[in-house]
């Protein structure tokens, strides 16, 4: 072995590739890092995977990025996780997407967050869903919003609820409506009220009726003061078909927060505190299964316009069409008055008590009608 060592020291550049091959086979462990470096430079393509393995073990830090590139190309499957780790540290930017793919497959758990970051930046589209899953598990907090965006696009169905939670926390504003749709479908119950609020703001029109129902169930109190006309128009169908006494109390807050202060106290009395549980259950039937399509379409107008000045004309249609004047105390001029007139006239005049009695008479008639 000493003689091989002497030969290599004196005539290294003169030897043929076959002779280097013989030297490496006989005195591999005795050579210095510089001699391994020379051997690799002259006979890289001729070496076996085992010899590459030996070279990398002895002179890893001395090799150039090109030599690491050659080693990885020839003996990728033979390397240990530690050696992959060394290769990635020295020649990360030089590797191809296929080589990153190989590295991640063999030494995923050993890599640092920075190395996962490098891998994702260079070969994002090439990775499998399982590899994205591994990357997200190890370096979630380090990734940029763009990288979260890429991960969600490629491996959405594979992620766990916790990982969706992390993604939403880091790159909520960057996601598309379709991605929000996927997130809500997979981990609706895990989200906080604030996250539901963010989802609703970005992808309201894309959500299904069931998803709106889930959102309302989990974050009703947060949405009550911030509903927009888009939200109201989209969720109308959900509300009309699935209202409960709990929903009614939340909707009361929504409606009352958009009405004038003059109407607020009286409307609150009518909608919430004065109704019994029996009346609420009956009203639920009235609002959902018993109303005709004509009435529901009118209610849609009421909700989508957020009970503005056009509210009373729509209410007139709701009240007059199915009843045909059956309520003795019903007044066409009363219900079709503008909102300002109702605010100061219907609720504010000395006939307020009589009008409230009229309302309750009408509600009583509804209860008798549907009982």
Protein backbone atom coordinates (compact mmCIF):
# COMPACT_ATOMS: atom_id res chain seq x y z
CA UNK A 1 0.00 0.00 0.00
CA UNK A 2 2.93 2.32 0.73
CA UNK A 3 4.31 1.69 -2.77
CA UNK A 4 0.99 2.54 -4.35
CA UNK A 5 1.05 5.66 -2.26
CA UNK A 6 4.51 6.56 -3.59
CA UNK A 7 3.49 5.84 -7.19
CA UNK A 8 0.45 8.08 -6.88
CA UNK A 9 2.52 10.87 -5.33
CA UNK A 10 5.14 10.88 -8.10
CA UNK A 11 3.22 10.11 -11.27
CA UNK A 12 -0.42 10.81 -10.49
CA UNK A 13 -1.17 12.81 -13.65
CA UNK A 14 0.62 10.26 -15.86
CA UNK A 15 -1.39 7.18 -14.85
CA UNK A 16 -4.24 5.80 -16.91
CA UNK A 17 -7.80 5.51 -15.62
CA UNK A 18 -7.36 1.73 -15.23
CA UNK A 19 -4.25 2.27 -13.09
CA UNK A 20 -6.04 4.74 -10.87
CA UNK A 21 -8.78 2.18 -10.55
CA UNK A 22 -6.26 -0.45 -9.39
CA UNK A 23 -4.62 1.96 -6.93
CA UNK A 24 -7.94 2.89 -5.40
CA UNK A 25 -8.87 -0.77 -5.01
CA UNK A 26 -5.67 -1.65 -3.16
CA UNK A 27 -4.91 1.37 -1.00
CA UNK A 28 -8.11 3.33 -0.65
CA UNK A 29 -7.94 3.88 3.12
CA UNK A 30 -4.26 4.95 2.98
CA UNK A 31 -4.61 7.78 0.51
CA UNK A 32 -4.77 11.40 1.54
CA UNK A 33 -7.67 13.67 0.72
CA UNK A 34 -5.57 15.38 -2.00
CA UNK A 35 -4.86 12.02 -3.66
CA UNK A 36 -8.53 11.06 -3.59
CA UNK A 37 -9.21 14.41 -5.17
CA UNK A 38 -6.72 13.64 -7.97
CA UNK A 39 -8.18 10.17 -8.52
CA UNK A 40 -11.69 11.50 -8.80
CA UNK A 41 -10.59 14.16 -11.27
CA UNK A 42 -8.92 11.63 -13.59
CA UNK A 43 -11.08 8.53 -13.45
CA UNK A 44 -14.44 9.60 -12.09
CA UNK A 45 -16.58 7.81 -14.69
CA UNK A 46 -14.64 4.52 -14.30
CA UNK A 47 -15.12 4.06 -10.56
CA UNK A 48 -17.68 1.71 -9.07
CA UNK A 49 -20.37 2.83 -6.69
CA UNK A 50 -18.43 1.32 -3.78
CA UNK A 51 -15.34 3.33 -4.70
CA UNK A 52 -17.32 6.53 -4.94
CA UNK A 53 -18.66 5.68 -1.54
CA UNK A 54 -15.12 5.35 -0.17
CA UNK A 55 -13.98 8.60 -1.78
CA UNK A 56 -16.87 10.53 -0.39
CA UNK A 57 -16.24 9.12 3.08
CA UNK A 58 -12.59 10.21 3.09
CA UNK A 59 -12.50 13.51 1.26
CA UNK A 60 -16.02 14.88 1.24
CA UNK A 61 -15.14 18.43 2.33
CA UNK A 62 -12.34 18.71 -0.25
CA UNK A 63 -14.39 17.95 -3.35
CA UNK A 64 -15.66 20.60 -5.69
CA UNK A 65 -19.34 21.07 -6.49
CA UNK A 66 -18.80 19.44 -9.91
CA UNK A 67 -17.27 16.36 -8.26
CA UNK A 68 -20.14 16.07 -5.82
CA UNK A 69 -22.40 16.31 -8.82
CA UNK A 70 -20.56 13.41 -10.47
CA UNK A 71 -20.62 11.30 -7.29
CA UNK A 72 -24.33 11.80 -6.82
CA UNK A 73 -24.99 10.86 -10.44
CA UNK A 74 -23.07 7.57 -10.17
CA UNK A 75 -23.75 6.29 -6.67
CA UNK A 76 -26.81 8.07 -5.38
CA UNK A 77 -28.62 4.98 -4.03
CA UNK A 78 -25.48 3.73 -2.21
CA UNK A 79 -24.85 6.82 -0.11
CA UNK A 80 -25.82 7.11 3.52
CA UNK A 81 -28.05 9.81 4.89
CA UNK A 82 -25.02 11.60 6.35
CA UNK A 83 -23.31 11.64 2.94
CA UNK A 84 -26.41 13.01 1.25
CA UNK A 85 -26.42 15.64 3.94
CA UNK A 86 -22.81 16.56 3.10
CA UNK A 87 -23.50 16.65 -0.64
CA UNK A 88 -26.51 18.90 -0.24
CA UNK A 89 -24.52 21.27 1.99
CA UNK A 90 -21.72 21.67 -0.56
CA UNK A 91 -23.39 21.62 -3.94
CA UNK A 92 -27.05 22.35 -3.40
CA UNK A 93 -27.42 24.95 -6.16
CA UNK A 94 -25.66 22.73 -8.72
CA UNK A 95 -27.93 19.71 -8.44
CA UNK A 96 -30.66 18.92 -10.90
CA UNK A 97 -34.29 18.48 -9.92
CA UNK A 98 -33.94 14.71 -10.29
CA UNK A 99 -30.98 14.68 -7.89
CA UNK A 100 -32.86 16.73 -5.34
CA UNK A 101 -35.65 14.23 -5.72
CA UNK A 102 -33.21 11.38 -4.95
CA UNK A 103 -31.73 13.20 -1.96
CA UNK A 104 -35.10 13.92 -0.44
CA UNK A 105 -36.16 10.29 -0.90
CA UNK A 106 -33.09 8.94 0.93
CA UNK A 107 -32.38 11.43 3.69
CA UNK A 108 -35.48 13.47 4.25
CA UNK A 109 -35.52 13.25 8.06
CA UNK A 110 -31.84 14.22 8.33
CA UNK A 111 -32.02 17.50 6.46
CA UNK A 112 -32.16 20.83 8.20
CA UNK A 113 -34.92 23.37 7.67
CA UNK A 114 -32.60 25.46 5.50
CA UNK A 115 -31.88 22.47 3.26
CA UNK A 116 -35.55 21.67 2.89
CA UNK A 117 -35.98 25.30 1.95
CA UNK A 118 -33.32 24.93 -0.77
CA UNK A 119 -34.83 21.69 -2.07
CA UNK A 120 -38.31 23.17 -2.32
CA UNK A 121 -36.96 26.22 -4.14
CA UNK A 122 -35.18 24.13 -6.77
CA UNK A 123 -37.42 21.15 -7.40
CA UNK A 124 -40.85 22.03 -6.09
CA UNK A 125 -42.81 20.79 -9.10
CA UNK A 126 -40.94 17.47 -9.20
CA UNK A 127 -41.69 16.32 -5.68
CA UNK A 128 -44.35 13.78 -4.84
CA UNK A 129 -47.19 14.43 -2.43
CA UNK A 130 -45.44 12.34 0.22
CA UNK A 131 -42.27 14.42 -0.09
CA UNK A 132 -44.21 17.65 0.21
CA UNK A 133 -45.77 16.15 3.30
CA UNK A 134 -42.30 15.47 4.77
CA UNK A 135 -41.06 18.96 3.90
CA UNK A 136 -44.03 20.66 5.50
CA UNK A 137 -43.63 18.55 8.65
CA UNK A 138 -39.97 19.51 9.09
CA UNK A 139 -39.71 23.12 7.98
CA UNK A 140 -43.20 24.60 8.02
CA UNK A 141 -42.30 27.86 9.77
CA UNK A 142 -39.34 28.52 7.48
CA UNK A 143 -41.21 28.42 4.18
CA UNK A 144 -42.28 31.52 2.32
CA UNK A 145 -45.86 32.24 1.35
CA UNK A 146 -45.08 31.31 -2.27
CA UNK A 147 -43.73 27.91 -1.16
CA UNK A 148 -46.79 27.22 0.95
CA UNK A 149 -48.80 28.10 -2.13
CA UNK A 150 -46.85 25.52 -4.16
CA UNK A 151 -47.20 22.85 -1.46
CA UNK A 152 -50.94 23.33 -1.20
CA UNK A 153 -51.32 23.13 -4.97
CA UNK A 154 -49.45 19.82 -5.22
CA UNK A 155 -50.39 17.86 -2.11
CA UNK A 156 -53.54 19.41 -0.71
CA UNK A 157 -55.41 16.13 -0.11
CA UNK A 158 -52.45 14.53 1.68
CA UNK A 159 -51.95 17.15 4.37
CA UNK A 160 -53.21 16.75 7.90
CA UNK A 161 -55.56 19.19 9.58
CA UNK A 162 -52.68 20.61 11.62
CA UNK A 163 -50.65 21.25 8.47
CA UNK A 164 -53.56 23.00 6.80
CA UNK A 165 -53.81 25.06 9.94
CA UNK A 166 -50.14 26.05 9.65
CA UNK A 167 -50.50 26.88 5.95
CA UNK A 168 -53.51 29.05 6.53
CA UNK A 169 -51.74 30.90 9.33
CA UNK A 170 -48.70 31.71 7.18
CA UNK A 171 -50.10 32.39 3.71
CA UNK A 172 -53.80 33.05 4.06
CA UNK A 173 -53.89 36.16 1.86
CA UNK A 174 -51.92 34.44 -0.91
CA UNK A 175 -54.22 31.48 -1.48
CA UNK A 176 -56.70 31.30 -4.29
CA UNK A 177 -60.41 30.77 -3.80
CA UNK A 178 -60.09 27.16 -4.91
CA UNK A 179 -57.41 26.51 -2.29
CA UNK A 180 -59.51 28.06 0.43
CA UNK A 181 -62.28 25.79 -0.76
CA UNK A 182 -60.00 22.77 -0.33
CA UNK A 183 -58.86 23.91 3.11
CA UNK A 184 -62.40 24.40 4.34
CA UNK A 185 -63.41 20.97 3.04
CA UNK A 186 -60.60 19.17 4.87
CA UNK A 187 -60.38 20.85 8.26
CA UNK A 188 -63.37 23.05 8.80
CA UNK A 189 -63.81 22.17 12.50
CA UNK A 190 -60.17 22.98 13.30
CA UNK A 191 -60.24 26.60 12.19
CA UNK A 192 -60.57 29.52 14.55
CA UNK A 193 -63.24 32.13 14.11
CA UNK A 194 -60.66 34.58 12.76
CA UNK A 195 -59.58 32.07 10.09
CA UNK A 196 -63.14 31.42 9.05
CA UNK A 197 -63.51 35.14 8.71
CA UNK A 198 -60.44 35.28 6.43
CA UNK A 199 -61.74 32.39 4.32
CA UNK A 200 -65.14 33.97 3.98
CA UNK A 201 -63.61 37.27 2.92
CA UNK A 202 -61.55 35.65 0.16
CA UNK A 203 -63.76 32.92 -1.25
CA UNK A 204 -67.32 33.63 -0.17
CA UNK A 205 -68.91 33.12 -3.59
CA UNK A 206 -67.11 29.81 -4.12
CA UNK A 207 -68.34 28.04 -1.00
CA UNK A 208 -71.17 25.53 -1.02
CA UNK A 209 -74.27 25.77 1.14
CA UNK A 210 -72.88 23.13 3.49
CA UNK A 211 -69.67 25.08 3.95
CA UNK A 212 -71.53 28.26 4.73
CA UNK A 213 -73.50 26.28 7.27
CA UNK A 214 -70.25 25.08 8.88
CA UNK A 215 -68.86 28.60 8.94
CA UNK A 216 -71.97 30.00 10.56
CA UNK A 217 -72.01 27.23 13.15
CA UNK A 218 -68.41 27.89 14.21
CA UNK A 219 -68.00 31.64 13.90
CA UNK A 220 -71.45 33.18 13.99
CA UNK A 221 -70.56 35.71 16.73
CA UNK A 222 -67.54 36.93 14.76
CA UNK A 223 -69.43 37.41 11.51
CA UNK A 224 -72.45 39.12 12.99
CA UNK A 225 -71.11 42.65 12.81
CA UNK A 226 -69.17 42.31 9.57
CA UNK A 227 -71.46 40.64 7.04
CA UNK A 228 -71.44 42.17 3.58
CA UNK A 229 -74.07 42.13 0.86
CA UNK A 230 -72.12 39.37 -0.91
CA UNK A 231 -72.20 37.19 2.19
CA UNK A 232 -75.88 37.78 2.75
CA UNK A 233 -76.86 36.96 -0.81
CA UNK A 234 -74.74 33.80 -0.84
CA UNK A 235 -75.91 32.50 2.51
CA UNK A 236 -79.60 33.23 1.97
CA UNK A 237 -80.33 29.67 0.91
CA UNK A 238 -78.49 28.27 3.91
CA UNK A 239 -80.38 30.49 6.29
CA UNK A 240 -83.80 29.83 4.76
CA UNK A 241 -83.43 26.05 4.86
CA UNK A 242 -81.54 25.50 8.11
CA UNK A 243 -82.49 28.15 10.62
CA UNK A 244 -82.71 27.11 14.26
CA UNK A 245 -83.40 28.99 17.46
CA UNK A 246 -79.63 29.36 17.94
CA UNK A 247 -79.21 30.73 14.44
CA UNK A 248 -82.08 33.16 14.95
CA UNK A 249 -80.40 34.69 17.98
CA UNK A 250 -77.18 35.19 15.99
CA UNK A 251 -79.07 36.56 12.99
CA UNK A 252 -80.81 38.96 15.34
CA UNK A 253 -77.45 40.50 16.11
CA UNK A 254 -76.65 40.72 12.41
CA UNK A 255 -79.92 42.37 11.50
CA UNK A 256 -80.05 44.68 14.49
CA UNK A 257 -76.51 45.92 13.90
CA UNK A 258 -77.56 47.20 10.47
CA UNK A 259 -80.83 48.80 11.52
CA UNK A 260 -81.19 52.31 12.84
CA UNK A 261 -80.94 52.90 16.58
CA UNK A 262 -84.58 53.95 16.63
CA UNK A 263 -85.77 50.60 15.29
CA UNK A 264 -83.25 48.58 17.29
CA UNK A 265 -84.99 48.38 20.65
CA UNK A 266 -88.42 47.51 19.27
CA UNK A 267 -87.09 45.06 16.69
CA UNK A 268 -85.03 43.30 19.33
CA UNK A 269 -88.15 42.82 21.39
CA UNK A 270 -90.07 41.43 18.45
CA UNK A 271 -87.35 39.12 17.14
CA UNK A 272 -85.75 37.74 20.30
CA UNK A 273 -86.61 38.42 23.90
CA UNK A 274 -90.40 38.24 23.61
CA UNK A 275 -90.62 35.04 21.59
CA UNK A 276 -91.10 31.75 23.36
CA UNK A 277 -89.39 28.52 22.36
CA UNK A 278 -92.69 27.34 20.90
CA UNK A 279 -92.93 30.38 18.72
CA UNK A 280 -89.33 30.04 17.60
CA UNK A 281 -89.91 26.47 16.46
CA UNK A 282 -92.99 27.56 14.57
CA UNK A 283 -91.17 30.45 13.00
CA UNK A 284 -88.45 28.01 11.93
CA UNK A 285 -91.09 26.04 10.04
CA UNK A 286 -92.45 29.20 8.51
CA UNK A 287 -89.02 30.33 7.36
CA UNK A 288 -87.93 27.00 5.87
CA UNK A 289 -90.22 24.16 4.85
CA UNK A 290 -93.56 25.94 4.52
CA UNK A 291 -92.70 28.98 2.46
CA UNK A 292 -93.25 28.99 -1.26
CA UNK A 293 -90.56 29.82 -3.80
CA UNK A 294 -92.16 33.20 -4.33
CA UNK A 295 -91.84 34.04 -0.66
CA UNK A 296 -88.25 32.79 -0.48
CA UNK A 297 -87.26 34.88 -3.50
CA UNK A 298 -88.68 37.92 -1.78
CA UNK A 299 -86.79 37.08 1.39
CA UNK A 300 -83.65 36.85 -0.74
CA UNK A 301 -84.18 40.45 -1.78
CA UNK A 302 -84.64 41.43 1.85
CA UNK A 303 -81.44 39.74 2.98
CA UNK A 304 -79.25 40.71 0.03
CA UNK A 305 -80.14 44.37 0.33
CA UNK A 306 -79.33 44.26 4.05
CA UNK A 307 -82.73 45.59 5.10
CA UNK A 308 -82.28 48.99 3.54
CA UNK A 309 -84.95 51.40 2.36
CA UNK A 310 -86.16 48.82 -0.16
CA UNK A 311 -86.90 46.35 2.64
CA UNK A 312 -90.54 47.20 3.22
CA UNK A 313 -91.66 46.84 -0.36
CA UNK A 314 -90.20 43.34 -0.40
CA UNK A 315 -91.81 42.57 2.94
CA UNK A 316 -95.09 43.68 1.47
CA UNK A 317 -94.77 41.02 -1.20
CA UNK A 318 -93.94 38.40 1.42
CA UNK A 319 -96.85 39.30 3.64
CA UNK A 320 -99.51 40.05 1.05
CA UNK A 321 -98.98 37.37 -1.61
CA UNK A 322 -99.70 34.23 0.44
CA UNK A 323 -102.16 35.84 2.85
CA UNK A 324 -104.36 37.77 0.41
CA UNK A 325 -105.37 40.29 3.03
CA UNK A 326 -106.27 37.71 5.66
CA UNK A 327 -104.85 39.78 8.49
CA UNK A 328 -107.41 42.34 9.65
CA UNK A 329 -104.82 44.75 11.03
CA UNK A 330 -102.64 44.63 7.90
CA UNK A 331 -102.18 48.04 6.31
CA UNK A 332 -100.73 48.40 2.78
CA UNK A 333 -99.69 51.99 3.41
CA UNK A 334 -98.09 51.05 6.71
CA UNK A 335 -95.82 48.27 5.39
CA UNK A 336 -94.90 49.99 2.12
CA UNK A 337 -93.73 53.20 3.77
CA UNK A 338 -90.07 54.17 3.41
CA UNK A 339 -87.64 53.10 6.08
CA UNK A 340 -87.32 56.60 7.47
CA UNK A 341 -91.10 56.85 7.77
CA UNK A 342 -91.27 53.52 9.54
CA UNK A 343 -88.48 54.53 11.87
CA UNK A 344 -90.24 57.67 12.95
CA UNK A 345 -93.86 56.70 12.29
CA UNK A 346 -94.46 52.99 12.77
CA UNK A 347 -92.22 52.60 15.82
CA UNK A 348 -92.09 56.20 17.00
CA UNK A 349 -95.71 57.39 17.06
CA UNK A 350 -98.24 57.07 19.82
CA UNK A 351 -99.70 54.11 17.93
CA UNK A 352 -96.59 52.06 18.50
CA UNK A 353 -98.35 49.82 21.01
CA UNK A 354 -101.28 49.22 18.66
CA UNK A 355 -98.91 48.38 15.83
CA UNK A 356 -97.01 45.93 18.02
CA UNK A 357 -100.29 44.27 18.91
CA UNK A 358 -100.98 44.07 15.20
CA UNK A 359 -97.63 42.35 14.65
CA UNK A 360 -98.26 39.82 17.37
CA UNK A 361 -101.76 39.23 16.05
CA UNK A 362 -100.25 38.46 12.70
CA UNK A 363 -97.69 36.11 14.28
CA UNK A 364 -100.46 34.39 16.21
CA UNK A 365 -102.34 33.89 12.95
CA UNK A 366 -99.27 32.35 11.41
CA UNK A 367 -98.94 29.94 14.31
CA UNK A 368 -102.56 28.89 14.00
CA UNK A 369 -102.22 28.63 10.22
CA UNK A 370 -99.27 26.25 10.33
CA UNK A 371 -100.20 24.27 13.44
